[in-house]
Every structure is written in C-alpha cells, then in structure tokens.
Amino acid sequence: MADKKQLNPMLKLALDIGPLILFFFMNSRLGIYYATGSFMVAVLIALVVSYVLTRHIAVMPVVTAVVVLVFGGLTLVLHDDVFIKLKPTIIYLLFAGALLFGIVFNKPLLNMVFDSVFHITDEGWRKLTWRWMLFFVFLAVLNEAVWRTQTTDFWVNFKLFGFVPLTLLFGIAQVPLLNKYAAPERKP
C-alpha cells in the first residue's frame, strides 16, 4: 500500500487556520452572520484543496466541517448566533469523546492520527491521549465560559487569539513526553 501524500506543514496550517482568520476578519467588517457564511465556505474550500492535493481527507477535518455546516447553517437560518458559538464546544467534546472511546476500548486513535509524525511507545501514546482528551474538555468548558460571559466580538477574537495559542502551547508542552517515550528507531 502506497504512503498517503502529505501536505506541506505550512500549507496544512493555512488550510486549518485560514477559515478561522477569515471568520475573524469578516466578523470585524460585516458581523457574525457574514462571518459564519464565509467560514462555512472557507471550510469547504479547505477540504477540497486538501483532497485535490493529497487524494484523501483526514477524519478530523471532515467532522469539523460537518459540525461547522450544521451549526453555521442553524445560525444563518434561525438568525441566532448561539449555534455558531456552540460549535467549538461540540467539536472539542466530540474529539475528547473519541479519544476516551479509544482509551476505554484500547484503540489508540491518537496513534492512528499521528503515527507517521511521532514514534513513541504504547505507554507514551496512552499518556498523550489522556492529556489531549483532558485538554479538549478544558477547551470546551473554556468556550462555554467565554461565549456565555463575553460579547460576540470578544468571543470571535478569543477563538483566534486565545484558543489557537493555547493549543499551540499545549502541543509544545507535550515535547518532553514525546522525548521521554520515544520508540526505538524502526528498521525499513
């Protein structure tokens, strides 16, 4: 079986964060409803570009796109921004639930997603999975706290300037675990 084509890391970052940046920009210019519509279109474009370049689409972006389309659609149809504000909570809880499912049923889901990038022991994968699962729960709770107590503009800004840096910092904080549980080099 041939290896899957991988995106350039900078292009992958642009496809992952680009729709969010557009959402932020459109909200600042035209408001939450235009931002939501443009976000929905941008997420679909990112999926298409990823597929065209790699001939496959990872599960996480598809799940995210479905939730964006459903909750974004509800936001636009019902003209109620609560739905788009719930979207991150739902996505974070879905990811946390999937990781918990993997832990309970001994199916290393995080390993399946990142195995080509990180080579660590089974114990390392278990610990990393627990950490990410708890982090996603934390992000879900944080999203709820922010959107329920702050203005829509603050929440939109926090999505870009709060959640993204927190996630990057959390990822960087996992480097010692990755080093501690590094697996021996694989032989070809």
N, C-alpha and C. Protein backbone atom coordinates (compact mmCIF):
# COMPACT_ATOMS: atom_id res chain seq x y z
N MET A 1 0.84 -1.18 0.00
CA MET A 1 0.00 0.00 0.00
C MET A 1 0.88 1.24 0.00
N ALA A 2 0.63 2.15 -0.91
CA ALA A 2 1.44 3.35 -1.03
C ALA A 2 1.16 4.30 0.13
N ASP A 3 2.19 5.02 0.54
CA ASP A 3 2.02 6.03 1.58
C ASP A 3 1.11 7.13 1.08
N LYS A 4 0.31 7.68 2.00
CA LYS A 4 -0.56 8.80 1.65
C LYS A 4 0.30 10.04 1.42
N LYS A 5 -0.10 10.84 0.45
CA LYS A 5 0.59 12.11 0.22
C LYS A 5 0.35 13.00 1.42
N GLN A 6 1.37 13.72 1.84
CA GLN A 6 1.26 14.64 2.97
C GLN A 6 1.37 16.07 2.46
N LEU A 7 0.59 16.95 3.09
CA LEU A 7 0.66 18.37 2.76
C LEU A 7 1.89 18.99 3.37
N ASN A 8 2.41 20.00 2.72
CA ASN A 8 3.45 20.82 3.31
C ASN A 8 2.91 21.36 4.63
N PRO A 9 3.68 21.30 5.72
CA PRO A 9 3.17 21.75 7.03
C PRO A 9 2.64 23.19 7.03
N MET A 10 3.25 24.07 6.27
CA MET A 10 2.77 25.46 6.24
C MET A 10 1.43 25.55 5.49
N LEU A 11 1.28 24.76 4.43
CA LEU A 11 0.01 24.74 3.71
C LEU A 11 -1.08 24.13 4.58
N LYS A 12 -0.74 23.06 5.31
CA LYS A 12 -1.71 22.44 6.22
C LYS A 12 -2.15 23.44 7.27
N LEU A 13 -1.21 24.19 7.83
CA LEU A 13 -1.55 25.22 8.82
C LEU A 13 -2.46 26.28 8.21
N ALA A 14 -2.17 26.69 6.98
CA ALA A 14 -3.00 27.69 6.30
C ALA A 14 -4.41 27.14 6.07
N LEU A 15 -4.53 25.88 5.69
CA LEU A 15 -5.85 25.28 5.47
C LEU A 15 -6.62 25.10 6.78
N ASP A 16 -5.89 24.85 7.86
CA ASP A 16 -6.53 24.69 9.17
C ASP A 16 -6.95 26.02 9.79
N ILE A 17 -6.08 27.02 9.69
CA ILE A 17 -6.32 28.30 10.38
C ILE A 17 -6.91 29.35 9.46
N GLY A 18 -6.74 29.19 8.16
CA GLY A 18 -7.25 30.17 7.20
C GLY A 18 -8.74 30.48 7.36
N PRO A 19 -9.60 29.44 7.44
CA PRO A 19 -11.03 29.73 7.63
C PRO A 19 -11.31 30.52 8.91
N LEU A 20 -10.56 30.23 9.96
CA LEU A 20 -10.74 30.95 11.23
C LEU A 20 -10.32 32.41 11.10
N ILE A 21 -9.22 32.65 10.40
CA ILE A 21 -8.78 34.03 10.17
C ILE A 21 -9.81 34.79 9.35
N LEU A 22 -10.36 34.13 8.33
CA LEU A 22 -11.42 34.75 7.52
C LEU A 22 -12.64 35.06 8.39
N PHE A 23 -13.01 34.12 9.26
CA PHE A 23 -14.13 34.31 10.18
C PHE A 23 -13.90 35.56 11.05
N PHE A 24 -12.71 35.69 11.60
CA PHE A 24 -12.34 36.84 12.42
C PHE A 24 -12.44 38.13 11.60
N PHE A 25 -11.87 38.13 10.41
CA PHE A 25 -11.86 39.32 9.56
C PHE A 25 -13.28 39.73 9.16
N MET A 26 -14.07 38.77 8.71
CA MET A 26 -15.43 39.08 8.27
C MET A 26 -16.30 39.55 9.43
N ASN A 27 -16.10 39.00 10.61
CA ASN A 27 -16.85 39.46 11.77
C ASN A 27 -16.53 40.92 12.09
N SER A 28 -15.25 41.27 11.97
CA SER A 28 -14.85 42.65 12.30
C SER A 28 -15.38 43.64 11.27
N ARG A 29 -15.63 43.19 10.05
CA ARG A 29 -16.10 44.09 8.98
C ARG A 29 -17.61 44.07 8.80
N LEU A 30 -18.20 42.86 8.83
CA LEU A 30 -19.61 42.74 8.44
C LEU A 30 -20.50 42.06 9.49
N GLY A 31 -19.91 41.56 10.57
CA GLY A 31 -20.72 40.95 11.62
C GLY A 31 -20.71 39.43 11.59
N ILE A 32 -21.32 38.87 12.62
CA ILE A 32 -21.26 37.43 12.86
C ILE A 32 -21.93 36.59 11.78
N TYR A 33 -22.98 37.09 11.18
CA TYR A 33 -23.70 36.26 10.19
C TYR A 33 -22.93 36.16 8.87
N TYR A 34 -22.34 37.24 8.40
CA TYR A 34 -21.48 37.17 7.22
C TYR A 34 -20.23 36.35 7.53
N ALA A 35 -19.72 36.52 8.74
CA ALA A 35 -18.55 35.75 9.15
C ALA A 35 -18.86 34.26 9.13
N THR A 36 -20.04 33.90 9.63
CA THR A 36 -20.43 32.49 9.67
C THR A 36 -20.55 31.92 8.26
N GLY A 37 -21.20 32.63 7.36
CA GLY A 37 -21.34 32.17 5.98
C GLY A 37 -20.00 32.00 5.30
N SER A 38 -19.12 32.98 5.47
CA SER A 38 -17.79 32.88 4.84
C SER A 38 -16.97 31.76 5.46
N PHE A 39 -17.14 31.54 6.76
CA PHE A 39 -16.44 30.45 7.45
C PHE A 39 -16.87 29.10 6.88
N MET A 40 -18.16 28.94 6.65
CA MET A 40 -18.67 27.69 6.08
C MET A 40 -18.08 27.43 4.70
N VAL A 41 -18.06 28.45 3.87
CA VAL A 41 -17.50 28.31 2.52
C VAL A 41 -16.00 28.01 2.59
N ALA A 42 -15.29 28.72 3.46
CA ALA A 42 -13.84 28.53 3.58
C ALA A 42 -13.48 27.13 4.06
N VAL A 43 -14.27 26.59 4.99
CA VAL A 43 -14.01 25.24 5.48
C VAL A 43 -14.18 24.23 4.34
N LEU A 44 -15.21 24.41 3.52
CA LEU A 44 -15.41 23.51 2.38
C LEU A 44 -14.28 23.63 1.36
N ILE A 45 -13.85 24.87 1.09
CA ILE A 45 -12.73 25.07 0.16
C ILE A 45 -11.47 24.41 0.69
N ALA A 46 -11.20 24.53 1.99
CA ALA A 46 -10.02 23.91 2.59
C ALA A 46 -10.07 22.39 2.44
N LEU A 47 -11.25 21.80 2.61
CA LEU A 47 -11.39 20.35 2.42
C LEU A 47 -11.11 19.95 0.98
N VAL A 48 -11.65 20.71 0.04
CA VAL A 48 -11.46 20.40 -1.38
C VAL A 48 -9.98 20.53 -1.76
N VAL A 49 -9.34 21.59 -1.33
CA VAL A 49 -7.92 21.79 -1.64
C VAL A 49 -7.09 20.65 -1.04
N SER A 50 -7.38 20.30 0.20
CA SER A 50 -6.65 19.19 0.83
C SER A 50 -6.84 17.90 0.05
N TYR A 51 -8.07 17.62 -0.37
CA TYR A 51 -8.34 16.40 -1.13
C TYR A 51 -7.63 16.41 -2.49
N VAL A 52 -7.71 17.54 -3.19
CA VAL A 52 -7.08 17.63 -4.51
C VAL A 52 -5.57 17.39 -4.42
N LEU A 53 -4.96 17.91 -3.37
CA LEU A 53 -3.50 17.78 -3.23
C LEU A 53 -3.04 16.43 -2.69
N THR A 54 -3.89 15.76 -1.89
CA THR A 54 -3.45 14.52 -1.26
C THR A 54 -4.25 13.29 -1.67
N ARG A 55 -5.40 13.49 -2.27
CA ARG A 55 -6.32 12.42 -2.66
C ARG A 55 -6.88 11.66 -1.46
N HIS A 56 -6.85 12.28 -0.29
CA HIS A 56 -7.54 11.75 0.89
C HIS A 56 -7.86 12.92 1.82
N ILE A 57 -8.81 12.67 2.71
CA ILE A 57 -9.17 13.69 3.70
C ILE A 57 -9.16 13.01 5.06
N ALA A 58 -8.50 13.63 6.01
CA ALA A 58 -8.44 13.10 7.37
C ALA A 58 -9.81 13.22 8.03
N VAL A 59 -10.07 12.38 8.99
CA VAL A 59 -11.37 12.34 9.66
C VAL A 59 -11.65 13.63 10.43
N MET A 60 -10.68 14.15 11.15
CA MET A 60 -10.93 15.34 11.99
C MET A 60 -11.42 16.54 11.18
N PRO A 61 -10.81 16.87 10.05
CA PRO A 61 -11.35 17.99 9.26
C PRO A 61 -12.76 17.74 8.73
N VAL A 62 -13.09 16.49 8.42
CA VAL A 62 -14.43 16.18 7.94
C VAL A 62 -15.44 16.37 9.06
N VAL A 63 -15.13 15.86 10.25
CA VAL A 63 -16.02 16.04 11.41
C VAL A 63 -16.20 17.53 11.68
N THR A 64 -15.11 18.26 11.68
CA THR A 64 -15.18 19.70 11.92
C THR A 64 -16.06 20.38 10.87
N ALA A 65 -15.88 20.02 9.61
CA ALA A 65 -16.67 20.63 8.54
C ALA A 65 -18.15 20.33 8.70
N VAL A 66 -18.49 19.10 9.06
CA VAL A 66 -19.90 18.75 9.25
C VAL A 66 -20.50 19.59 10.37
N VAL A 67 -19.79 19.70 11.48
CA VAL A 67 -20.30 20.49 12.61
C VAL A 67 -20.40 21.97 12.23
N VAL A 68 -19.41 22.48 11.51
CA VAL A 68 -19.45 23.87 11.04
C VAL A 68 -20.67 24.10 10.16
N LEU A 69 -20.91 23.18 9.23
CA LEU A 69 -22.04 23.34 8.31
C LEU A 69 -23.38 23.24 9.02
N VAL A 70 -23.50 22.30 9.94
CA VAL A 70 -24.76 22.14 10.67
C VAL A 70 -25.02 23.36 11.57
N PHE A 71 -24.05 23.69 12.41
CA PHE A 71 -24.26 24.79 13.36
C PHE A 71 -24.21 26.15 12.69
N GLY A 72 -23.38 26.28 11.66
CA GLY A 72 -23.38 27.52 10.88
C GLY A 72 -24.70 27.69 10.15
N GLY A 73 -25.20 26.60 9.57
CA GLY A 73 -26.49 26.65 8.89
C GLY A 73 -27.61 27.04 9.84
N LEU A 74 -27.62 26.45 11.03
CA LEU A 74 -28.63 26.83 12.03
C LEU A 74 -28.51 28.30 12.41
N THR A 75 -27.27 28.77 12.54
CA THR A 75 -27.05 30.18 12.86
C THR A 75 -27.67 31.08 11.80
N LEU A 76 -27.44 30.75 10.54
CA LEU A 76 -27.94 31.59 9.45
C LEU A 76 -29.46 31.46 9.27
N VAL A 77 -29.96 30.24 9.29
CA VAL A 77 -31.39 30.02 9.06
C VAL A 77 -32.22 30.61 10.20
N LEU A 78 -31.79 30.39 11.42
CA LEU A 78 -32.55 30.87 12.58
C LEU A 78 -32.14 32.27 13.03
N HIS A 79 -31.12 32.80 12.37
CA HIS A 79 -30.57 34.13 12.70
C HIS A 79 -30.30 34.24 14.21
N ASP A 80 -29.57 33.21 14.71
CA ASP A 80 -29.24 33.12 16.13
C ASP A 80 -27.78 32.68 16.26
N ASP A 81 -26.94 33.59 16.75
CA ASP A 81 -25.50 33.30 16.82
C ASP A 81 -25.12 32.30 17.91
N VAL A 82 -26.06 31.88 18.73
CA VAL A 82 -25.76 30.88 19.76
C VAL A 82 -25.24 29.59 19.12
N PHE A 83 -25.79 29.23 17.98
CA PHE A 83 -25.40 27.96 17.36
C PHE A 83 -23.93 27.96 16.93
N ILE A 84 -23.46 29.04 16.33
CA ILE A 84 -22.05 29.07 15.92
C ILE A 84 -21.14 29.15 17.14
N LYS A 85 -21.64 29.72 18.23
CA LYS A 85 -20.85 29.78 19.46
C LYS A 85 -20.76 28.41 20.13
N LEU A 86 -21.77 27.57 19.93
CA LEU A 86 -21.75 26.21 20.48
C LEU A 86 -20.84 25.28 19.68
N LYS A 87 -20.58 25.62 18.42
CA LYS A 87 -19.81 24.75 17.54
C LYS A 87 -18.47 24.32 18.12
N PRO A 88 -17.64 25.22 18.66
CA PRO A 88 -16.37 24.75 19.22
C PRO A 88 -16.56 23.79 20.40
N THR A 89 -17.55 24.07 21.23
CA THR A 89 -17.81 23.18 22.37
C THR A 89 -18.12 21.79 21.87
N ILE A 90 -18.99 21.69 20.86
CA ILE A 90 -19.38 20.39 20.31
C ILE A 90 -18.17 19.68 19.71
N ILE A 91 -17.38 20.39 18.94
CA ILE A 91 -16.20 19.78 18.32
C ILE A 91 -15.21 19.30 19.38
N TYR A 92 -14.92 20.14 20.37
CA TYR A 92 -13.97 19.73 21.42
C TYR A 92 -14.48 18.51 22.18
N LEU A 93 -15.78 18.48 22.47
CA LEU A 93 -16.34 17.33 23.19
C LEU A 93 -16.37 16.08 22.31
N LEU A 94 -16.61 16.24 21.01
CA LEU A 94 -16.54 15.09 20.10
C LEU A 94 -15.13 14.51 20.07
N PHE A 95 -14.12 15.37 19.96
CA PHE A 95 -12.74 14.90 19.94
C PHE A 95 -12.38 14.23 21.26
N ALA A 96 -12.77 14.87 22.38
CA ALA A 96 -12.49 14.28 23.70
C ALA A 96 -13.19 12.93 23.83
N GLY A 97 -14.45 12.85 23.39
CA GLY A 97 -15.19 11.59 23.46
C GLY A 97 -14.56 10.51 22.61
N ALA A 98 -14.11 10.87 21.42
CA ALA A 98 -13.45 9.89 20.54
C ALA A 98 -12.17 9.37 21.19
N LEU A 99 -11.40 10.27 21.79
CA LEU A 99 -10.17 9.84 22.46
C LEU A 99 -10.48 8.96 23.67
N LEU A 100 -11.52 9.31 24.43
CA LEU A 100 -11.92 8.49 25.57
C LEU A 100 -12.38 7.11 25.09
N PHE A 101 -13.13 7.07 24.00
CA PHE A 101 -13.56 5.80 23.40
C PHE A 101 -12.33 4.95 23.10
N GLY A 102 -11.32 5.56 22.49
CA GLY A 102 -10.10 4.84 22.17
C GLY A 102 -9.39 4.30 23.41
N ILE A 103 -9.40 5.09 24.47
CA ILE A 103 -8.77 4.64 25.73
C ILE A 103 -9.54 3.45 26.30
N VAL A 104 -10.87 3.59 26.40
CA VAL A 104 -11.71 2.55 27.00
C VAL A 104 -11.62 1.24 26.22
N PHE A 105 -11.63 1.33 24.89
CA PHE A 105 -11.64 0.13 24.06
C PHE A 105 -10.26 -0.23 23.51
N ASN A 106 -9.23 0.37 24.09
CA ASN A 106 -7.85 0.08 23.72
C ASN A 106 -7.61 0.21 22.22
N LYS A 107 -8.19 1.25 21.64
CA LYS A 107 -8.00 1.60 20.23
C LYS A 107 -7.26 2.93 20.21
N PRO A 108 -5.98 2.91 19.93
CA PRO A 108 -5.18 4.13 20.02
C PRO A 108 -5.47 5.12 18.88
N LEU A 109 -6.54 5.89 19.02
CA LEU A 109 -6.95 6.80 17.95
C LEU A 109 -5.91 7.88 17.68
N LEU A 110 -5.32 8.42 18.73
CA LEU A 110 -4.30 9.45 18.54
C LEU A 110 -3.10 8.86 17.79
N ASN A 111 -2.77 7.63 18.12
CA ASN A 111 -1.68 6.93 17.44
C ASN A 111 -1.97 6.83 15.95
N MET A 112 -3.23 6.52 15.60
CA MET A 112 -3.59 6.39 14.18
C MET A 112 -3.45 7.72 13.44
N VAL A 113 -3.75 8.81 14.13
CA VAL A 113 -3.68 10.13 13.50
C VAL A 113 -2.24 10.60 13.35
N PHE A 114 -1.41 10.38 14.38
CA PHE A 114 -0.07 10.97 14.39
C PHE A 114 1.07 9.97 14.24
N ASP A 115 0.79 8.71 13.96
CA ASP A 115 1.84 7.70 13.92
C ASP A 115 2.93 8.01 12.91
N SER A 116 2.57 8.62 11.79
CA SER A 116 3.59 8.92 10.79
C SER A 116 4.46 10.11 11.21
N VAL A 117 4.01 10.84 12.22
CA VAL A 117 4.75 12.02 12.67
C VAL A 117 5.57 11.70 13.92
N PHE A 118 4.95 11.01 14.89
CA PHE A 118 5.61 10.70 16.17
C PHE A 118 5.76 9.20 16.32
N HIS A 119 6.90 8.80 16.81
CA HIS A 119 7.16 7.38 17.06
C HIS A 119 7.46 7.24 18.54
N ILE A 120 6.42 6.89 19.30
CA ILE A 120 6.57 6.74 20.74
C ILE A 120 6.00 5.38 21.17
N THR A 121 6.31 4.99 22.39
CA THR A 121 5.86 3.70 22.91
C THR A 121 4.35 3.72 23.16
N ASP A 122 3.79 2.53 23.39
CA ASP A 122 2.36 2.44 23.68
C ASP A 122 2.00 3.23 24.94
N GLU A 123 2.86 3.15 25.96
CA GLU A 123 2.60 3.92 27.18
C GLU A 123 2.61 5.42 26.89
N GLY A 124 3.51 5.86 26.04
CA GLY A 124 3.56 7.26 25.64
C GLY A 124 2.28 7.68 24.93
N TRP A 125 1.77 6.81 24.03
CA TRP A 125 0.52 7.11 23.32
C TRP A 125 -0.64 7.22 24.30
N ARG A 126 -0.68 6.30 25.29
CA ARG A 126 -1.77 6.36 26.29
C ARG A 126 -1.73 7.67 27.06
N LYS A 127 -0.55 8.05 27.52
CA LYS A 127 -0.43 9.29 28.29
C LYS A 127 -0.75 10.51 27.43
N LEU A 128 -0.26 10.51 26.22
CA LEU A 128 -0.53 11.63 25.31
C LEU A 128 -2.03 11.72 25.00
N THR A 129 -2.67 10.58 24.82
CA THR A 129 -4.11 10.56 24.55
C THR A 129 -4.89 11.12 25.74
N TRP A 130 -4.55 10.69 26.95
CA TRP A 130 -5.23 11.24 28.14
C TRP A 130 -5.06 12.74 28.21
N ARG A 131 -3.86 13.22 27.97
CA ARG A 131 -3.60 14.66 28.04
C ARG A 131 -4.44 15.44 27.04
N TRP A 132 -4.46 14.96 25.77
CA TRP A 132 -5.24 15.66 24.75
C TRP A 132 -6.74 15.57 25.03
N MET A 133 -7.17 14.43 25.53
CA MET A 133 -8.59 14.29 25.86
C MET A 133 -8.99 15.31 26.94
N LEU A 134 -8.20 15.41 27.98
CA LEU A 134 -8.50 16.38 29.05
C LEU A 134 -8.36 17.81 28.55
N PHE A 135 -7.42 18.06 27.66
CA PHE A 135 -7.26 19.41 27.10
C PHE A 135 -8.49 19.79 26.28
N PHE A 136 -9.02 18.86 25.49
CA PHE A 136 -10.23 19.16 24.72
C PHE A 136 -11.41 19.45 25.64
N VAL A 137 -11.53 18.73 26.74
CA VAL A 137 -12.59 19.03 27.71
C VAL A 137 -12.40 20.43 28.27
N PHE A 138 -11.16 20.76 28.62
CA PHE A 138 -10.85 22.11 29.11
C PHE A 138 -11.26 23.18 28.09
N LEU A 139 -10.92 22.96 26.82
CA LEU A 139 -11.28 23.93 25.78
C LEU A 139 -12.79 24.07 25.64
N ALA A 140 -13.52 22.96 25.76
CA ALA A 140 -14.98 23.01 25.67
C ALA A 140 -15.55 23.85 26.81
N VAL A 141 -15.06 23.64 28.02
CA VAL A 141 -15.53 24.41 29.17
C VAL A 141 -15.15 25.87 29.01
N LEU A 142 -13.94 26.12 28.54
CA LEU A 142 -13.48 27.50 28.34
C LEU A 142 -14.33 28.21 27.29
N ASN A 143 -14.65 27.52 26.19
CA ASN A 143 -15.50 28.12 25.17
C ASN A 143 -16.85 28.51 25.75
N GLU A 144 -17.43 27.60 26.54
CA GLU A 144 -18.72 27.90 27.17
C GLU A 144 -18.62 29.12 28.07
N ALA A 145 -17.56 29.19 28.86
CA ALA A 145 -17.39 30.33 29.77
C ALA A 145 -17.23 31.64 29.00
N VAL A 146 -16.46 31.61 27.93
CA VAL A 146 -16.21 32.84 27.18
C VAL A 146 -17.47 33.31 26.46
N TRP A 147 -18.13 32.44 25.70
CA TRP A 147 -19.26 32.94 24.91
C TRP A 147 -20.45 33.31 25.79
N ARG A 148 -20.56 32.68 26.96
CA ARG A 148 -21.70 32.99 27.83
C ARG A 148 -21.49 34.25 28.68
N THR A 149 -20.24 34.68 28.81
CA THR A 149 -19.97 35.84 29.68
C THR A 149 -19.44 37.06 28.94
N GLN A 150 -19.10 36.91 27.67
CA GLN A 150 -18.47 37.99 26.93
C GLN A 150 -19.30 38.35 25.70
N THR A 151 -18.92 39.44 25.06
CA THR A 151 -19.60 39.86 23.83
C THR A 151 -19.23 38.92 22.69
N THR A 152 -20.03 38.97 21.64
CA THR A 152 -19.74 38.16 20.45
C THR A 152 -18.38 38.53 19.86
N ASP A 153 -18.08 39.82 19.78
CA ASP A 153 -16.79 40.22 19.23
C ASP A 153 -15.63 39.70 20.07
N PHE A 154 -15.76 39.74 21.39
CA PHE A 154 -14.71 39.20 22.26
C PHE A 154 -14.54 37.71 22.00
N TRP A 155 -15.67 36.99 21.90
CA TRP A 155 -15.61 35.55 21.66
C TRP A 155 -14.91 35.24 20.34
N VAL A 156 -15.26 35.97 19.28
CA VAL A 156 -14.62 35.75 17.98
C VAL A 156 -13.12 36.00 18.10
N ASN A 157 -12.73 37.07 18.75
CA ASN A 157 -11.30 37.36 18.93
C ASN A 157 -10.62 36.26 19.74
N PHE A 158 -11.31 35.77 20.76
CA PHE A 158 -10.72 34.73 21.60
C PHE A 158 -10.55 33.42 20.83
N LYS A 159 -11.44 33.14 19.88
CA LYS A 159 -11.28 31.94 19.06
C LYS A 159 -9.93 31.95 18.34
N LEU A 160 -9.55 33.12 17.83
CA LEU A 160 -8.29 33.21 17.09
C LEU A 160 -7.10 33.47 18.01
N PHE A 161 -7.23 34.40 18.93
CA PHE A 161 -6.09 34.83 19.74
C PHE A 161 -6.02 34.16 21.11
N GLY A 162 -6.97 33.31 21.42
CA GLY A 162 -6.97 32.56 22.67
C GLY A 162 -6.81 31.07 22.44
N PHE A 163 -7.76 30.48 21.71
CA PHE A 163 -7.74 29.03 21.50
C PHE A 163 -6.54 28.57 20.68
N VAL A 164 -6.21 29.29 19.62
CA VAL A 164 -5.09 28.86 18.77
C VAL A 164 -3.77 28.89 19.55
N PRO A 165 -3.43 30.00 20.23
CA PRO A 165 -2.18 29.98 21.00
C PRO A 165 -2.19 28.95 22.14
N LEU A 166 -3.33 28.79 22.81
CA LEU A 166 -3.41 27.79 23.88
C LEU A 166 -3.12 26.39 23.33
N THR A 167 -3.68 26.09 22.17
CA THR A 167 -3.48 24.78 21.56
C THR A 167 -2.02 24.59 21.14
N LEU A 168 -1.44 25.62 20.55
CA LEU A 168 -0.02 25.53 20.17
C LEU A 168 0.87 25.35 21.40
N LEU A 169 0.62 26.12 22.44
CA LEU A 169 1.41 25.99 23.67
C LEU A 169 1.24 24.62 24.31
N PHE A 170 0.00 24.11 24.31
CA PHE A 170 -0.23 22.78 24.86
C PHE A 170 0.53 21.74 24.05
N GLY A 171 0.48 21.85 22.72
CA GLY A 171 1.22 20.92 21.87
C GLY A 171 2.71 20.96 22.14
N ILE A 172 3.26 22.16 22.28
CA ILE A 172 4.69 22.31 22.58
C ILE A 172 5.02 21.71 23.94
N ALA A 173 4.10 21.87 24.90
CA ALA A 173 4.32 21.34 26.24
C ALA A 173 4.37 19.81 26.26
N GLN A 174 3.96 19.15 25.18
CA GLN A 174 3.99 17.70 25.11
C GLN A 174 5.33 17.15 24.63
N VAL A 175 6.23 18.03 24.20
CA VAL A 175 7.53 17.59 23.68
C VAL A 175 8.31 16.75 24.70
N PRO A 176 8.36 17.14 25.99
CA PRO A 176 9.07 16.27 26.94
C PRO A 176 8.50 14.85 27.00
N LEU A 177 7.19 14.71 26.93
CA LEU A 177 6.58 13.38 26.93
C LEU A 177 7.00 12.62 25.67
N LEU A 178 6.97 13.31 24.53
CA LEU A 178 7.38 12.67 23.27
C LEU A 178 8.83 12.20 23.34
N ASN A 179 9.68 13.00 23.95
CA ASN A 179 11.09 12.62 24.10
C ASN A 179 11.27 11.47 25.08
N LYS A 180 10.54 11.54 26.20
CA LYS A 180 10.68 10.51 27.25
C LYS A 180 10.24 9.14 26.75
N TYR A 181 9.18 9.10 25.93
CA TYR A 181 8.62 7.83 25.47
C TYR A 181 8.93 7.55 24.00
N ALA A 182 10.00 8.12 23.50
CA ALA A 182 10.39 7.87 22.11
C ALA A 182 10.63 6.38 21.91
N ALA A 183 10.06 5.85 20.82
CA ALA A 183 10.24 4.43 20.49
C ALA A 183 11.58 4.25 19.80
N PRO A 184 12.13 3.06 19.91
CA PRO A 184 13.38 2.80 19.18
C PRO A 184 13.14 2.98 17.68
N GLU A 185 14.18 3.35 16.97
CA GLU A 185 14.06 3.57 15.52
C GLU A 185 13.55 2.31 14.84
N ARG A 186 12.64 2.52 13.89
CA ARG A 186 12.09 1.39 13.10
C ARG A 186 13.06 1.03 11.99
N LYS A 187 13.16 -0.24 11.74
CA LYS A 187 14.02 -0.68 10.64
C LYS A 187 13.17 -0.81 9.39
N PRO A 188 13.73 -0.39 8.23
CA PRO A 188 12.96 -0.45 6.98
C PRO A 188 12.63 -1.84 6.54
